[in-house]
Amino acid sequence: MCLIKLEPSMEFDAPEPLRSPGDVLLNDHLKARTMSIAWLARRTGISVSTLRQITRGERRINARFAMRLACVMDPTPAYWLVLQARYDLAILKSLRDARQHSR
């Protein structure tokens, strides 16, 4: 029994340019609410250095981080994970496209 229909060509057609989940976290959630990374670190138990890496796009948001962020902010864990998955897929697609064009 299949409860969810999976489409192999599932695309996310976003009207805005692709942004990393860390950029969304920093600009749409922290700066918009005048929260600091240090405040978020204290509330979530995620270290300041890890949060800085996330906001710079140097580190991915994993399930543990998504759960911790959701405990402090409005978006659900799924929101953060979908943002990360969408970003990861777009980066891989652009790498694949670049490789195919260079042949």
N, C-alpha and C. Protein backbone atom coordinates (compact mmCIF):
# COMPACT_ATOMS: atom_id res chain seq x y z
N MET A 1 0.84 -1.18 0.00
CA MET A 1 0.00 0.00 0.00
C MET A 1 0.89 1.24 0.00
N CYS A 2 0.67 2.13 -0.93
CA CYS A 2 1.46 3.34 -1.06
C CYS A 2 0.63 4.53 -0.60
N LEU A 3 1.04 5.16 0.46
CA LEU A 3 0.30 6.31 0.98
C LEU A 3 0.72 7.61 0.33
N ILE A 4 1.96 7.66 -0.12
CA ILE A 4 2.48 8.88 -0.73
C ILE A 4 2.94 8.54 -2.14
N LYS A 5 2.43 9.26 -3.11
CA LYS A 5 2.86 9.05 -4.49
C LYS A 5 4.15 9.82 -4.71
N LEU A 6 5.20 9.13 -5.07
CA LEU A 6 6.48 9.76 -5.32
C LEU A 6 6.67 9.94 -6.81
N GLU A 7 6.97 11.13 -7.21
CA GLU A 7 7.20 11.44 -8.61
C GLU A 7 8.71 11.54 -8.84
N PRO A 8 9.27 10.78 -9.73
CA PRO A 8 10.71 10.84 -9.95
C PRO A 8 11.19 12.18 -10.50
N SER A 9 10.31 12.93 -11.13
CA SER A 9 10.72 14.23 -11.68
C SER A 9 10.20 15.39 -10.83
N MET A 10 10.05 15.15 -9.55
CA MET A 10 9.52 16.19 -8.67
C MET A 10 10.46 17.40 -8.67
N GLU A 11 9.94 18.55 -8.99
CA GLU A 11 10.72 19.78 -9.06
C GLU A 11 10.10 20.79 -8.10
N PHE A 12 10.94 21.63 -7.56
CA PHE A 12 10.47 22.76 -6.77
C PHE A 12 10.68 24.00 -7.61
N ASP A 13 9.62 24.60 -8.03
CA ASP A 13 9.70 25.78 -8.88
C ASP A 13 9.50 27.01 -8.01
N ALA A 14 10.58 27.53 -7.50
CA ALA A 14 10.50 28.68 -6.61
C ALA A 14 10.61 29.96 -7.41
N PRO A 15 9.77 30.94 -7.10
CA PRO A 15 9.83 32.21 -7.81
C PRO A 15 11.06 33.03 -7.42
N GLU A 16 11.65 32.75 -6.27
CA GLU A 16 12.81 33.49 -5.79
C GLU A 16 14.09 32.72 -6.10
N PRO A 17 15.21 33.41 -6.13
CA PRO A 17 16.48 32.71 -6.34
C PRO A 17 16.76 31.74 -5.18
N LEU A 18 17.50 30.70 -5.48
CA LEU A 18 17.83 29.71 -4.47
C LEU A 18 18.69 30.33 -3.38
N ARG A 19 18.33 30.05 -2.14
CA ARG A 19 19.10 30.52 -0.98
C ARG A 19 19.37 29.34 -0.08
N SER A 20 20.50 29.37 0.59
CA SER A 20 20.83 28.29 1.51
C SER A 20 19.92 28.37 2.74
N PRO A 21 19.68 27.24 3.40
CA PRO A 21 18.88 27.26 4.62
C PRO A 21 19.49 28.18 5.69
N GLY A 22 20.82 28.26 5.71
CA GLY A 22 21.49 29.16 6.66
C GLY A 22 21.18 30.61 6.38
N ASP A 23 21.09 30.97 5.10
CA ASP A 23 20.73 32.33 4.73
C ASP A 23 19.30 32.63 5.16
N VAL A 24 18.41 31.68 4.96
CA VAL A 24 17.01 31.84 5.39
C VAL A 24 16.95 31.99 6.90
N LEU A 25 17.69 31.15 7.62
CA LEU A 25 17.72 31.23 9.07
C LEU A 25 18.20 32.60 9.53
N LEU A 26 19.31 33.06 8.97
CA LEU A 26 19.89 34.33 9.39
C LEU A 26 19.01 35.52 9.04
N ASN A 27 18.62 35.61 7.77
CA ASN A 27 17.92 36.83 7.32
C ASN A 27 16.43 36.84 7.56
N ASP A 28 15.78 35.70 7.38
CA ASP A 28 14.32 35.67 7.51
C ASP A 28 13.85 35.41 8.94
N HIS A 29 14.70 34.83 9.75
CA HIS A 29 14.27 34.48 11.11
C HIS A 29 15.02 35.24 12.18
N LEU A 30 16.34 35.22 12.15
CA LEU A 30 17.09 35.90 13.21
C LEU A 30 17.06 37.41 13.05
N LYS A 31 17.53 37.92 11.91
CA LYS A 31 17.57 39.37 11.71
C LYS A 31 16.17 39.98 11.71
N ALA A 32 15.22 39.28 11.11
CA ALA A 32 13.85 39.80 11.05
C ALA A 32 13.24 39.97 12.45
N ARG A 33 13.69 39.15 13.38
CA ARG A 33 13.17 39.20 14.76
C ARG A 33 14.18 39.80 15.73
N THR A 34 15.22 40.39 15.19
CA THR A 34 16.31 40.97 15.98
C THR A 34 16.85 40.00 17.04
N MET A 35 17.05 38.76 16.64
CA MET A 35 17.65 37.74 17.51
C MET A 35 19.10 37.56 17.10
N SER A 36 19.93 37.27 18.06
CA SER A 36 21.34 37.03 17.76
C SER A 36 21.61 35.52 17.66
N ILE A 37 22.74 35.21 17.04
CA ILE A 37 23.15 33.81 16.98
C ILE A 37 23.43 33.29 18.38
N ALA A 38 24.00 34.14 19.23
CA ALA A 38 24.30 33.72 20.61
C ALA A 38 23.00 33.38 21.36
N TRP A 39 21.96 34.18 21.16
CA TRP A 39 20.67 33.91 21.80
C TRP A 39 20.13 32.56 21.32
N LEU A 40 20.18 32.36 20.00
CA LEU A 40 19.67 31.11 19.44
C LEU A 40 20.48 29.91 19.95
N ALA A 41 21.78 30.09 20.08
CA ALA A 41 22.63 29.02 20.59
C ALA A 41 22.22 28.65 22.02
N ARG A 42 21.98 29.64 22.86
CA ARG A 42 21.56 29.36 24.24
C ARG A 42 20.22 28.64 24.28
N ARG A 43 19.31 29.03 23.41
CA ARG A 43 17.97 28.44 23.41
C ARG A 43 17.92 27.04 22.82
N THR A 44 18.78 26.76 21.83
CA THR A 44 18.71 25.48 21.13
C THR A 44 19.73 24.46 21.61
N GLY A 45 20.79 24.92 22.24
CA GLY A 45 21.86 24.01 22.61
C GLY A 45 22.80 23.72 21.45
N ILE A 46 22.62 24.39 20.32
CA ILE A 46 23.53 24.29 19.18
C ILE A 46 24.63 25.33 19.42
N SER A 47 25.86 24.96 19.27
CA SER A 47 26.94 25.90 19.57
C SER A 47 26.92 27.10 18.62
N VAL A 48 27.47 28.20 19.11
CA VAL A 48 27.57 29.42 18.30
C VAL A 48 28.38 29.14 17.04
N SER A 49 29.48 28.41 17.18
CA SER A 49 30.31 28.14 16.00
C SER A 49 29.56 27.31 14.97
N THR A 50 28.77 26.34 15.42
CA THR A 50 27.98 25.53 14.49
C THR A 50 26.92 26.39 13.80
N LEU A 51 26.25 27.24 14.55
CA LEU A 51 25.23 28.12 13.95
C LEU A 51 25.86 29.08 12.95
N ARG A 52 27.05 29.58 13.25
CA ARG A 52 27.73 30.45 12.29
C ARG A 52 28.07 29.69 11.02
N GLN A 53 28.52 28.44 11.16
CA GLN A 53 28.81 27.62 9.98
C GLN A 53 27.55 27.40 9.16
N ILE A 54 26.43 27.16 9.82
CA ILE A 54 25.16 26.97 9.11
C ILE A 54 24.78 28.24 8.37
N THR A 55 24.87 29.40 9.03
CA THR A 55 24.44 30.65 8.39
C THR A 55 25.37 31.05 7.25
N ARG A 56 26.62 30.58 7.28
CA ARG A 56 27.55 30.85 6.17
C ARG A 56 27.45 29.80 5.07
N GLY A 57 26.61 28.79 5.26
CA GLY A 57 26.45 27.75 4.25
C GLY A 57 27.56 26.72 4.28
N GLU A 58 28.33 26.68 5.35
CA GLU A 58 29.43 25.73 5.47
C GLU A 58 29.00 24.41 6.11
N ARG A 59 27.82 24.40 6.68
CA ARG A 59 27.32 23.20 7.35
C ARG A 59 25.84 23.05 7.05
N ARG A 60 25.41 21.80 6.91
CA ARG A 60 24.02 21.51 6.58
C ARG A 60 23.16 21.49 7.83
N ILE A 61 21.87 21.70 7.65
CA ILE A 61 20.90 21.53 8.73
C ILE A 61 20.47 20.06 8.70
N ASN A 62 20.80 19.33 9.74
CA ASN A 62 20.41 17.92 9.82
C ASN A 62 19.15 17.79 10.68
N ALA A 63 18.68 16.58 10.86
CA ALA A 63 17.43 16.35 11.59
C ALA A 63 17.52 16.86 13.04
N ARG A 64 18.65 16.64 13.68
CA ARG A 64 18.81 17.09 15.07
C ARG A 64 18.72 18.62 15.16
N PHE A 65 19.41 19.31 14.25
CA PHE A 65 19.36 20.77 14.26
C PHE A 65 17.94 21.25 13.93
N ALA A 66 17.29 20.59 12.98
CA ALA A 66 15.93 20.97 12.61
C ALA A 66 14.98 20.87 13.79
N MET A 67 15.11 19.80 14.57
CA MET A 67 14.27 19.64 15.76
C MET A 67 14.53 20.75 16.77
N ARG A 68 15.79 21.06 16.98
CA ARG A 68 16.14 22.10 17.95
C ARG A 68 15.68 23.48 17.50
N LEU A 69 15.83 23.78 16.22
CA LEU A 69 15.36 25.07 15.70
C LEU A 69 13.84 25.18 15.83
N ALA A 70 13.14 24.09 15.56
CA ALA A 70 11.67 24.10 15.62
C ALA A 70 11.17 24.29 17.04
N CYS A 71 11.95 23.90 18.02
CA CYS A 71 11.53 24.10 19.42
C CYS A 71 11.57 25.57 19.81
N VAL A 72 12.34 26.36 19.10
CA VAL A 72 12.52 27.78 19.45
C VAL A 72 11.77 28.71 18.50
N MET A 73 11.65 28.31 17.23
CA MET A 73 11.01 29.17 16.22
C MET A 73 9.76 28.50 15.67
N ASP A 74 9.00 29.29 14.93
CA ASP A 74 7.73 28.82 14.39
C ASP A 74 7.84 27.66 13.39
N PRO A 75 8.76 27.71 12.42
CA PRO A 75 8.76 26.63 11.43
C PRO A 75 8.99 25.25 12.05
N THR A 76 8.42 24.26 11.40
CA THR A 76 8.52 22.88 11.86
C THR A 76 9.87 22.28 11.47
N PRO A 77 10.23 21.14 12.06
CA PRO A 77 11.46 20.46 11.63
C PRO A 77 11.43 20.15 10.13
N ALA A 78 10.27 19.77 9.63
CA ALA A 78 10.15 19.45 8.20
C ALA A 78 10.49 20.66 7.33
N TYR A 79 10.11 21.84 7.77
CA TYR A 79 10.42 23.08 7.03
C TYR A 79 11.93 23.19 6.81
N TRP A 80 12.70 23.02 7.88
CA TRP A 80 14.16 23.14 7.78
C TRP A 80 14.75 22.03 6.92
N LEU A 81 14.24 20.83 7.07
CA LEU A 81 14.76 19.71 6.29
C LEU A 81 14.42 19.84 4.81
N VAL A 82 13.24 20.32 4.50
CA VAL A 82 12.86 20.53 3.10
C VAL A 82 13.72 21.64 2.49
N LEU A 83 13.95 22.71 3.25
CA LEU A 83 14.84 23.76 2.74
C LEU A 83 16.21 23.19 2.41
N GLN A 84 16.74 22.37 3.32
CA GLN A 84 18.06 21.79 3.11
C GLN A 84 18.06 20.83 1.92
N ALA A 85 17.05 19.99 1.84
CA ALA A 85 16.98 19.03 0.72
C ALA A 85 16.83 19.75 -0.61
N ARG A 86 15.99 20.77 -0.65
CA ARG A 86 15.80 21.55 -1.88
C ARG A 86 17.11 22.19 -2.31
N TYR A 87 17.82 22.76 -1.35
CA TYR A 87 19.09 23.40 -1.65
C TYR A 87 20.11 22.38 -2.15
N ASP A 88 20.22 21.26 -1.45
CA ASP A 88 21.16 20.21 -1.84
C ASP A 88 20.87 19.70 -3.25
N LEU A 89 19.60 19.46 -3.56
CA LEU A 89 19.22 18.97 -4.88
C LEU A 89 19.53 19.99 -5.97
N ALA A 90 19.29 21.25 -5.69
CA ALA A 90 19.57 22.29 -6.68
C ALA A 90 21.07 22.40 -6.96
N ILE A 91 21.87 22.30 -5.91
CA ILE A 91 23.33 22.35 -6.09
C ILE A 91 23.81 21.16 -6.92
N LEU A 92 23.31 19.97 -6.59
CA LEU A 92 23.70 18.78 -7.35
C LEU A 92 23.26 18.87 -8.81
N LYS A 93 22.06 19.40 -9.03
CA LYS A 93 21.56 19.56 -10.40
C LYS A 93 22.44 20.54 -11.18
N SER A 94 22.83 21.64 -10.55
CA SER A 94 23.66 22.61 -11.26
C SER A 94 25.04 22.02 -11.56
N LEU A 95 25.58 21.21 -10.65
CA LEU A 95 26.86 20.54 -10.91
C LEU A 95 26.74 19.55 -12.06
N ARG A 96 25.64 18.80 -12.08
CA ARG A 96 25.40 17.83 -13.15
C ARG A 96 25.25 18.55 -14.49
N ASP A 97 24.48 19.64 -14.49
CA ASP A 97 24.28 20.41 -15.73
C ASP A 97 25.60 20.98 -16.24
N ALA A 98 26.43 21.48 -15.33
CA ALA A 98 27.71 22.05 -15.72
C ALA A 98 28.61 20.97 -16.30
N ARG A 99 28.57 19.78 -15.71
CA ARG A 99 29.37 18.67 -16.20
C ARG A 99 28.92 18.25 -17.60
N GLN A 100 27.60 18.23 -17.83
CA GLN A 100 27.07 17.83 -19.14
C GLN A 100 27.39 18.87 -20.20
N HIS A 101 27.41 20.14 -19.82
CA HIS A 101 27.71 21.20 -20.79
C HIS A 101 29.19 21.24 -21.15
N SER A 102 30.02 20.75 -20.25
CA SER A 102 31.47 20.79 -20.51
C SER A 102 31.94 19.63 -21.38
N ARG A 103 31.07 18.71 -21.67
CA ARG A 103 31.45 17.54 -22.50
C ARG A 103 31.58 17.90 -23.93
